[in-house]
Every structure is written in structure tokens, then in C-alpha cells.
Protein backbone atom coordinates (compact mmCIF):
# COMPACT_ATOMS: atom_id res chain seq x y z
CA MET A 1 -0.99 -17.80 -5.59
CA ASN A 2 -4.32 -16.73 -4.07
CA LEU A 3 -3.17 -15.41 -0.71
CA ARG A 4 -5.36 -14.62 2.28
CA LEU A 5 -4.77 -11.74 4.65
CA GLN A 6 -3.77 -14.12 7.47
CA GLU A 7 -1.12 -15.68 5.22
CA ILE A 8 0.74 -12.47 4.37
CA ILE A 9 0.38 -10.49 7.62
CA ALA A 10 1.30 -11.83 11.05
CA VAL A 11 -1.95 -11.27 12.94
CA ASP A 12 -0.26 -11.11 16.37
CA ASP A 13 2.14 -8.41 15.16
CA LEU A 14 -0.71 -6.53 13.52
CA ARG A 15 -2.74 -6.70 16.76
CA GLU A 16 0.22 -5.23 18.68
CA LEU A 17 0.55 -2.38 16.17
CA MET A 18 -3.16 -1.66 16.35
CA LEU A 19 -2.96 -1.68 20.15
CA PHE A 20 -0.19 0.95 20.04
CA PHE A 21 -2.32 3.06 17.70
CA HIS A 22 -5.39 2.78 19.96
CA GLU A 23 -3.40 3.74 23.04
CA ALA A 24 -2.02 6.78 21.20
CA ALA A 25 -5.19 7.93 19.42
CA GLY A 26 -7.97 6.60 21.67
CA ILE A 27 -9.98 5.34 18.68
CA SER A 28 -11.29 1.79 18.26
CA VAL A 29 -9.81 -0.23 15.39
CA GLY A 30 -10.60 -3.53 13.76
CA VAL A 31 -9.41 -5.78 10.94
CA MET A 32 -11.49 -8.52 9.32
CA ASP A 33 -10.76 -10.88 6.44
CA GLU A 34 -12.64 -10.96 3.16
CA LYS A 35 -15.20 -13.39 4.67
CA GLN A 36 -15.99 -10.86 7.46
CA ASN A 37 -14.22 -12.83 10.19
CA TRP A 38 -12.72 -10.45 12.74
CA LEU A 39 -8.94 -10.88 13.06
CA VAL A 40 -8.23 -7.86 15.27
CA THR A 41 -10.55 -5.82 17.50
CA ILE A 42 -8.92 -3.23 19.73
CA GLY A 43 -10.61 -0.75 22.06
CA TRP A 44 -14.25 -1.64 21.40
CA GLN A 45 -16.34 0.90 23.32
CA HIS A 46 -18.52 -0.26 26.23
CA ILE A 47 -21.54 1.36 24.62
CA CYS A 48 -21.21 -1.23 21.86
CA THR A 49 -20.05 -4.30 23.79
CA ASP A 50 -22.33 -3.83 26.81
CA PHE A 51 -25.39 -2.35 25.06
CA HIS A 52 -25.61 -2.33 21.25
CA ARG A 53 -24.36 -5.87 20.72
CA VAL A 54 -26.26 -7.33 23.66
CA ASN A 55 -29.78 -6.17 22.86
CA PRO A 56 -31.22 -8.33 20.00
CA THR A 57 -32.72 -5.34 18.17
CA SER A 58 -29.68 -3.06 18.33
CA ARG A 59 -27.40 -6.02 17.53
CA LYS A 60 -29.18 -6.33 14.18
CA ASN A 61 -28.07 -2.78 13.46
CA CYS A 62 -24.45 -3.76 14.18
CA LEU A 63 -24.66 -6.71 11.79
CA LEU A 64 -26.29 -4.46 9.18
CA SER A 65 -23.31 -2.11 9.38
CA GLU A 66 -20.89 -4.97 8.75
CA GLN A 67 -22.99 -6.13 5.80
CA ARG A 68 -22.70 -2.68 4.23
CA ILE A 69 -18.95 -3.12 4.03
CA SER A 70 -19.04 -6.04 1.58
CA GLU A 71 -21.82 -4.44 -0.45
CA TYR A 72 -20.44 -0.93 -0.93
CA LEU A 73 -16.71 -0.95 -0.17
CA ASN A 74 -15.03 -2.15 -3.35
CA THR A 75 -12.52 0.59 -4.19
CA LYS A 76 -9.50 2.19 -2.51
CA GLU A 77 -11.72 5.06 -1.34
CA TYR A 78 -12.77 4.74 2.25
CA LEU A 79 -16.38 4.46 3.38
CA SER A 80 -17.64 6.67 6.23
CA TYR A 81 -21.15 6.08 7.52
CA PRO A 82 -23.23 6.41 10.70
CA CYS A 83 -24.23 3.04 12.10
CA PRO A 84 -27.97 2.75 12.85
CA ASN A 85 -27.15 2.95 16.56
CA GLY A 86 -25.86 6.52 16.19
CA LEU A 87 -22.06 6.18 16.11
CA VAL A 88 -19.71 6.81 13.19
CA GLU A 89 -17.78 4.02 11.51
CA VAL A 90 -15.13 4.33 8.81
CA ALA A 91 -13.63 1.53 6.73
CA ILE A 92 -11.24 0.89 3.86
CA PRO A 93 -10.73 -2.26 1.80
CA ILE A 94 -7.43 -4.11 2.10
CA LEU A 95 -6.38 -5.02 -1.43
CA LEU A 96 -3.62 -7.11 -2.93
CA HIS A 97 -3.14 -6.47 -6.64
CA GLU A 98 -6.74 -5.22 -6.91
CA THR A 99 -8.07 -8.33 -5.09
CA LEU A 100 -10.05 -7.79 -1.89
CA ILE A 101 -8.50 -9.69 1.04
CA GLY A 102 -9.95 -7.83 4.03
CA PHE A 103 -11.21 -4.61 5.63
CA PHE A 104 -9.81 -2.10 8.13
CA PHE A 105 -12.06 -0.14 10.48
CA LEU A 106 -11.96 2.96 12.61
CA GLY A 107 -15.13 3.12 14.55
CA GLN A 108 -17.33 3.92 17.50
CA PHE A 109 -16.67 7.66 17.56
CA LEU A 110 -18.55 10.86 16.71
CA TYR A 111 -17.73 13.81 14.48
CA GLN A 112 -19.58 16.19 16.83
CA PRO A 113 -20.56 16.17 20.52
CA PRO A 114 -23.47 13.75 21.03
CA ASP A 115 -27.14 14.69 21.09
CA ILE A 116 -27.91 13.54 24.63
CA ASP A 117 -31.69 13.57 24.11
CA TYR A 118 -31.34 11.33 21.05
CA PHE A 119 -29.32 8.73 22.95
CA ARG A 120 -31.61 8.96 26.01
CA ARG A 121 -34.59 8.18 23.77
CA GLN A 122 -32.66 5.33 22.21
CA ALA A 123 -31.85 3.89 25.65
CA ILE A 124 -35.52 3.97 26.60
CA ALA A 125 -36.59 2.44 23.29
CA TYR A 126 -34.17 -0.50 23.65
CA GLY A 127 -34.76 -0.94 27.39
CA TYR A 128 -31.22 0.00 28.45
CA ASP A 129 -30.30 1.31 31.89
CA VAL A 130 -30.49 4.98 30.88
CA GLU A 131 -27.91 6.35 33.32
CA ALA A 132 -25.42 3.54 32.61
CA TYR A 133 -25.94 4.05 28.88
CA LEU A 134 -25.32 7.80 29.09
CA GLN A 135 -22.20 7.16 31.19
CA ALA A 136 -20.90 4.87 28.44
CA LEU A 137 -21.74 7.60 25.90
CA LYS A 138 -19.42 10.04 27.70
CA LYS A 139 -16.47 7.80 26.84
CA ILE A 140 -17.13 7.99 23.09
CA PRO A 141 -14.34 10.07 21.46
CA VAL A 142 -15.21 13.05 19.27
CA VAL A 143 -12.89 13.17 16.25
CA SER A 144 -12.78 15.81 13.52
CA LYS A 145 -13.54 14.83 9.93
CA GLN A 146 -10.17 16.23 8.85
CA ARG A 147 -8.29 14.04 11.32
CA VAL A 148 -10.19 10.97 10.17
CA ASP A 149 -9.33 11.80 6.53
CA HIS A 150 -5.63 11.96 7.41
CA LEU A 151 -5.78 8.73 9.40
CA MET A 152 -7.53 6.79 6.66
CA ARG A 153 -5.09 8.08 4.04
CA PHE A 154 -2.27 6.84 6.26
CA PHE A 155 -3.86 3.42 6.83
CA SER A 156 -4.65 3.04 3.12
CA LEU A 157 -0.96 3.49 2.33
CA PHE A 158 0.04 1.42 5.37
CA PHE A 159 -1.98 -1.64 4.37
CA ASP A 160 -1.01 -1.27 0.71
CA LEU A 161 2.65 -1.45 1.73
CA LEU A 162 2.06 -4.22 4.29
CA THR A 163 0.19 -6.52 1.92
CA ARG A 164 2.69 -6.04 -0.91
CA LEU A 165 5.65 -6.76 1.36
CA GLY A 166 3.87 -9.78 2.80
CA ALA A 167 3.05 -11.10 -0.68
CA GLU A 168 6.65 -10.60 -1.83
CA ASN A 169 7.85 -12.49 1.24
CA GLN A 170 5.51 -15.40 0.43
CA LYS A 171 6.85 -15.46 -3.14
CA ARG A 172 10.40 -15.49 -1.79
CA LEU A 173 9.61 -18.37 0.57
CA HIS A 174 7.96 -20.25 -2.28
CA ALA A 175 11.02 -19.67 -4.46
CA GLU A 176 13.35 -20.87 -1.69
CA SER A 177 11.23 -23.99 -1.29
CA GLU A 178 11.44 -24.66 -5.02
CA ILE A 179 15.21 -24.17 -4.93
CA GLN A 180 15.53 -26.55 -1.97
CA LYS A 181 13.39 -29.07 -3.79
CA ALA A 182 15.58 -28.74 -6.88
CA LYS A 183 18.72 -29.25 -4.78
CA GLU A 184 17.29 -32.40 -3.20
CA GLU A 185 16.30 -33.78 -6.59
CA LEU A 186 19.78 -32.96 -7.86
CA GLU A 187 21.39 -34.93 -5.03
CA VAL A 188 19.23 -37.96 -5.75
CA ARG A 189 20.04 -37.84 -9.43
CA VAL A 190 23.78 -37.55 -8.73
CA GLU A 191 23.69 -40.55 -6.39
CA GLU A 192 21.88 -42.64 -8.99
CA ARG A 193 24.50 -41.89 -11.64
CA THR A 194 27.74 -42.41 -9.70
CA ARG A 195 28.52 -45.54 -11.81
CA ASP A 196 28.90 -43.40 -14.89
CA LEU A 197 31.11 -40.53 -13.68
CA ASN A 198 31.44 -38.67 -16.94
CA ARG A 199 27.71 -38.70 -17.58
CA ALA A 200 27.03 -37.71 -13.97
CA LEU A 201 29.43 -34.78 -14.23
CA LEU A 202 27.70 -33.60 -17.40
CA GLU A 203 24.30 -33.87 -15.76
CA VAL A 204 25.48 -32.09 -12.61
CA GLY A 205 27.00 -29.32 -14.69
CA ASP A 206 23.82 -28.96 -16.68
CA LEU A 207 21.68 -28.89 -13.54
CA ALA A 208 24.03 -26.39 -11.90
CA PHE A 209 23.69 -24.13 -14.92
CA GLN A 210 19.91 -24.41 -14.78
CA LEU A 211 19.91 -23.72 -11.06
CA ASN A 212 22.12 -20.66 -11.51
CA THR A 213 19.83 -19.42 -14.28
CA SER A 214 16.81 -19.93 -12.05
CA LEU A 215 18.48 -18.06 -9.21
CA GLN A 216 19.29 -15.17 -11.53
CA GLN A 217 15.68 -15.13 -12.76
CA ILE A 218 14.38 -15.19 -9.18
CA GLU A 219 16.74 -12.39 -8.20
CA SER A 220 15.59 -10.34 -11.19
CA LEU A 221 11.91 -10.99 -10.39
CA ALA A 222 12.48 -9.91 -6.79
CA VAL A 223 13.43 -6.39 -7.90
CA THR A 224 11.15 -6.09 -10.95
CA ASP A 225 7.50 -5.07 -11.26
CA SER A 226 5.86 -7.82 -13.31
CA LEU A 227 3.34 -5.56 -15.08
CA THR A 228 5.52 -2.66 -16.22
CA ASN A 229 8.91 -4.43 -16.19
CA THR A 230 10.28 -1.50 -14.19
CA TYR A 231 12.15 -1.82 -10.91
CA ASN A 232 10.29 -2.02 -7.60
CA ARG A 233 10.94 -0.53 -4.17
CA ARG A 234 13.32 -3.31 -3.21
CA LYS A 235 15.66 -2.25 -6.02
CA PHE A 236 15.42 1.35 -4.81
CA ASP A 237 16.42 0.26 -1.30
CA GLU A 238 19.37 -1.76 -2.66
CA VAL A 239 20.71 1.10 -4.78
CA VAL A 240 20.37 3.68 -2.01
CA ALA A 241 21.97 1.32 0.53
CA VAL A 242 25.01 0.76 -1.71
CA GLU A 243 25.48 4.28 -3.07
CA HIS A 244 24.39 6.31 -0.06
CA GLY A 245 24.69 3.96 2.91
CA HIS A 246 25.97 4.73 6.36
CA GLY A 247 29.46 3.70 5.35
CA SER A 248 29.91 6.63 2.98
CA SER A 249 31.62 9.67 4.50
CA GLU A 250 30.45 11.85 1.63
CA LYS A 251 27.29 10.87 -0.16
CA ALA A 252 27.03 11.62 -3.87
CA PRO A 253 24.28 14.08 -4.81
CA PHE A 254 21.13 12.76 -6.44
CA SER A 255 17.52 13.79 -6.96
CA LEU A 256 14.17 12.02 -6.93
CA ILE A 257 11.13 12.57 -9.11
CA MET A 258 7.85 11.08 -7.87
CA LEU A 259 5.04 11.06 -10.44
CA ASP A 260 1.42 9.99 -10.39
CA ILE A 261 -1.15 9.61 -13.18
CA ASP A 262 -3.95 12.16 -12.77
CA TYR A 263 -7.44 10.71 -12.26
CA PHE A 264 -6.21 7.18 -12.97
CA LYS A 265 -9.14 5.68 -11.10
CA LYS A 266 -11.47 7.22 -13.68
CA VAL A 267 -9.48 5.50 -16.43
CA ASN A 268 -9.98 2.12 -14.74
CA ASP A 269 -13.65 2.82 -14.02
CA ARG A 270 -14.42 3.93 -17.58
CA PHE A 271 -12.22 1.67 -19.69
CA GLY A 272 -11.49 -1.24 -17.36
CA HIS A 273 -8.37 -2.39 -15.52
CA SER A 274 -6.92 -4.02 -18.64
CA ALA A 275 -6.86 -0.64 -20.38
CA GLY A 276 -5.43 0.88 -17.21
CA ASP A 277 -2.62 -1.68 -17.24
CA ASP A 278 -1.90 -0.80 -20.87
CA VAL A 279 -1.64 2.87 -19.89
CA LEU A 280 0.90 2.01 -17.17
CA LYS A 281 3.02 -0.03 -19.59
CA HIS A 282 2.79 2.64 -22.30
CA LEU A 283 3.79 5.35 -19.81
CA CYS A 284 6.84 3.38 -18.67
CA HIS A 285 7.89 2.77 -22.27
CA LEU A 286 7.61 6.51 -22.94
CA ILE A 287 9.68 7.45 -19.87
CA ARG A 288 12.38 4.86 -20.69
CA GLY A 289 12.82 6.63 -24.00
CA VAL A 290 13.95 9.86 -22.33
CA ILE A 291 15.83 8.80 -19.16
CA ARG A 292 19.61 8.52 -19.15
CA GLN A 293 21.74 5.44 -18.61
CA GLY A 294 22.08 5.02 -14.88
CA ASP A 295 18.70 6.61 -14.05
CA LEU A 296 16.34 4.27 -12.23
CA LEU A 297 12.60 4.01 -13.07
CA ILE A 298 10.68 2.43 -10.18
CA ARG A 299 7.02 1.54 -9.81
CA TRP A 300 6.30 2.88 -6.33
CA GLY A 301 2.77 1.52 -6.13
CA GLY A 302 -0.40 1.55 -8.23
CA GLU A 303 -0.10 4.43 -10.71
CA GLU A 304 2.75 6.05 -8.76
CA PHE A 305 6.35 5.93 -10.03
CA MET A 306 9.73 7.14 -8.83
CA LEU A 307 12.74 8.27 -10.86
CA LEU A 308 16.13 8.15 -9.11
CA LEU A 309 18.58 10.47 -10.88
CA PRO A 310 22.21 9.97 -9.76
CA THR A 311 24.59 12.97 -9.72
CA THR A 312 21.69 15.28 -10.54
CA GLU A 313 20.90 18.55 -8.78
CA ILE A 314 17.36 19.76 -8.28
CA ALA A 315 17.35 22.37 -11.06
CA GLU A 316 18.28 19.78 -13.67
CA ALA A 317 15.83 17.28 -12.17
CA GLU A 318 13.02 19.86 -12.32
CA HIS A 319 13.79 20.56 -15.99
CA PHE A 320 13.82 16.82 -16.70
CA ALA A 321 10.50 16.35 -14.87
CA GLU A 322 8.91 19.11 -16.94
CA ARG A 323 10.11 17.44 -20.13
CA ILE A 324 8.48 14.17 -19.07
CA ARG A 325 5.25 15.98 -18.16
CA VAL A 326 5.09 17.68 -21.58
CA ASP A 327 5.88 14.43 -23.44
CA VAL A 328 3.15 12.54 -21.57
CA GLU A 329 0.57 15.28 -22.13
CA ALA A 330 1.31 15.21 -25.89
CA GLU A 331 1.27 11.41 -26.16
CA LYS A 332 -1.88 9.61 -27.31
CA PHE A 333 -2.53 6.42 -25.38
CA SER A 334 -4.37 3.51 -26.97
CA THR A 335 -8.07 3.26 -26.00
CA VAL A 336 -8.02 6.07 -23.41
CA GLY A 337 -6.56 8.94 -25.48
CA HIS A 338 -4.60 11.64 -23.67
CA ILE A 339 -3.64 11.61 -19.98
CA THR A 340 -1.65 13.90 -17.70
CA ILE A 341 0.68 13.36 -14.79
CA SER A 342 1.69 15.30 -11.69
CA LEU A 343 5.31 15.31 -10.52
CA GLY A 344 7.19 16.19 -7.34
CA VAL A 345 10.96 16.81 -7.28
CA ALA A 346 13.41 16.80 -4.36
CA GLU A 347 17.19 16.64 -3.97
CA PHE A 348 19.27 14.63 -1.51
CA GLN A 349 20.89 17.13 0.85
CA LYS A 350 23.93 17.06 3.11
CA ASP A 351 23.31 15.09 6.34
CA ASP A 352 19.97 14.03 4.81
CA SER A 353 18.20 10.74 5.44
CA VAL A 354 16.42 8.72 2.78
CA ASP A 355 13.19 8.85 4.81
CA ALA A 356 13.36 12.65 4.96
CA LEU A 357 13.99 12.83 1.22
CA LEU A 358 11.05 10.53 0.48
CA LYS A 359 8.82 12.64 2.68
CA ARG A 360 9.82 15.83 0.83
CA VAL A 361 9.30 14.40 -2.64
CA ASP A 362 5.95 12.92 -1.56
CA ASN A 363 4.89 16.33 -0.22
CA ALA A 364 5.97 17.95 -3.48
CA LEU A 365 3.80 15.51 -5.45
CA TYR A 366 0.91 16.15 -3.08
CA GLN A 367 1.26 19.91 -3.68
CA ALA A 368 1.31 19.33 -7.44
CA LYS A 369 -1.98 17.45 -7.25
CA GLN A 370 -3.52 19.94 -4.85
CA GLY A 371 -2.40 22.77 -7.15
CA GLY A 372 -4.47 21.49 -10.04
CA ARG A 373 -2.50 18.44 -11.32
CA ASN A 374 -0.57 18.25 -14.62
CA ARG A 375 2.32 20.20 -13.13
CA VAL A 376 5.76 19.90 -11.56
CA VAL A 377 6.46 21.05 -8.00
CA LYS A 378 9.94 20.99 -6.48
CA CYS A 379 10.65 20.82 -2.76
CA VAL A 380 13.47 23.13 -1.64
CA GLY A 381 14.85 22.92 1.89
CA GLY A 382 14.09 20.46 4.71
């Protein structure tokens, strides 16, 4: 199915979330679809709505900025650029399985306090009311580059999760529709064959078996990553809910390993996404050869994977992670040659929450990558 952004994300709910963010951060946000139709615009600054987009000349600059998005923004890296009218805009693509379905913006802010003379000259050049224009300029937020980097990293992960969940929901609805259709067809066929009871019973039994098989296949697909044939996040949530849910007075110990292929974007850029997919499948096959029965290999997203190790303390998990790292480094992958991975390790602790554990293991992986990649970092403590 070729899904559009509006089909997998409830625009009204997204607008409410963006409104909460704007009220908390004071930064303008916007979401447009792949055809550059605005779906959400929150907190547009008066300097843009009352000046830049009103004057015909400065409005051309606004449209030029939007055009840059479709021309230059085609990866998961975000694009930061000054619009020709002097403000800073930042954008990321919204992707679903490497397909562009929209764009997210932070905009209409400055990295440094404004050059008043520059904007005064601009007001005169465009024929603005100078004092009114400078008053609107005072309301422009000044945001540090570091803060913007953190925000865009968050929103990149946020939209990646949102689009994948939305797409999975659409697949589930489609599957339910197909099942309902099959049930209706079954009822019609049963009614048509009531005169021959034995034959009808055989047909009903056969259809019931097929329906049960289809349901089992759908259930399996719902928790399986189609590319790597590993589990997905939904399976992780199911296992954790059963084994370590709120109903357990004492939760069994377990550890998590989060791993990420180093410089995987370069692999895709140099050899193509087909070769990148082969690397992911080869990597999963390699890891399956060393994990124990009961361990869970999960594709967390993109080139990022999670290993759930039941009844495993952090020292053993760290040793296991190092073994995987060494095996991957020594392995030769078809077409691309050798690759490396970075791994973070964390252990479920007493009175812990799954969210806290995920945050620790994600931080450990981040430290491994910041520390030079191709290494294992364990997170000890809260």
C-alpha cells in the first residue's frame, strides 16, 4: 500500500501535539505532505504572516525556501538554512520505509540576537512600517544551535515511530477488513450448500482451517520485521508485558543490548539500499547463530536492533555483546566487505520501569558511538 501522511497520522491529534510543543518551547512548527501542502502550522511569527508573506517580493523568498525542501532534503539528516528574509528555518523529511511522505519544520527563529540595522534596511527596502517591523522582530526567539540539534534528533525519532505505528495500524485494519470479507463470503457459501450437509460441513471445515491459518499468519506478520525476519517492537512490548508486567510482585532479571551499524548511511549511499538490505539480513543471520534459545532479536528501527536476554545479568550481557561485536567485525559481508557495530548494554533493576531501562540502554549506545564506535558500553546505575 502506498500510504500518505494524512492516512497514517491523525492530523487533528498531530496539530494538538504540535500546539503543546509550541506552547512549551515557543518555537514555530509546521508539517506538510510530500506535495508541499501544509497540514499543520502552529505559532507562525507576525514578522512572517504580517510582513514577509504579504509583500510580493518578500513572499517570493518564502516560496523559495519551501522549494529548497523538495530539492535538497532527501535523507534522514535535517536541513538548516537561513531563509532569504533573514530568519532561520530547519526541516527534516518524514519517511516511511525510505519513501518520502512529508516534511517537518522548526522555523522563524534566530541562532544569535538579530542585527537591527540589517532588518531596518530590509524594512525600508520592502516598504514596511519600520517601527512595526522592528517590534515584530523583538518577538523572534533566539535558540542555540545545540538545542535545535537535540530537538531535531527528537523529532526525527518521533516521526519515525509515528509513521511506522500508523502504517502498522493501517495494515491491521486492512487485515481485519480482509478477514471480515472472508467471513461474509463463508456465510454465503454455507447458505448456498445447506442442501448437501456433508459437503457443506467439509467446505466449512476447510474454510475454517484456512481462516485459522490466515489469522496465524497475520498474527506472525504483526510481530515480525518483513525484511530481516526478526521480531519488531510490538513483540518486545508483548514479551515485557507478560514477563515483567505490573502483576508480577517480583520481576525476573534480564538485560538489553541495543546495537547499531556504524556509518550505515554510507553503505546505502555507496552501494545502494539493496546492498544495505542484504547487510541487515546477513547481520541478523550472524547474530541468530550465537544467541541462546529464549533470547529475542528485535529490529528496533532502520539499522538499529535490540537483544532481550532473559535471566541475564549485566556482566554476562556485556561479555555476550563483546562476542557479537568481534564476530561482526571479523565477518565479510557480500558486496560491502567488513562493517562494525556499536553496542549499549543495560540491566533491568529492582523497581525499574521499561521506559527507564530503554533510556539507559539507548544512552549506552549513544556513548559507544560518541566514543569512537565499534565498541561496547554498559550502563550501570539509574
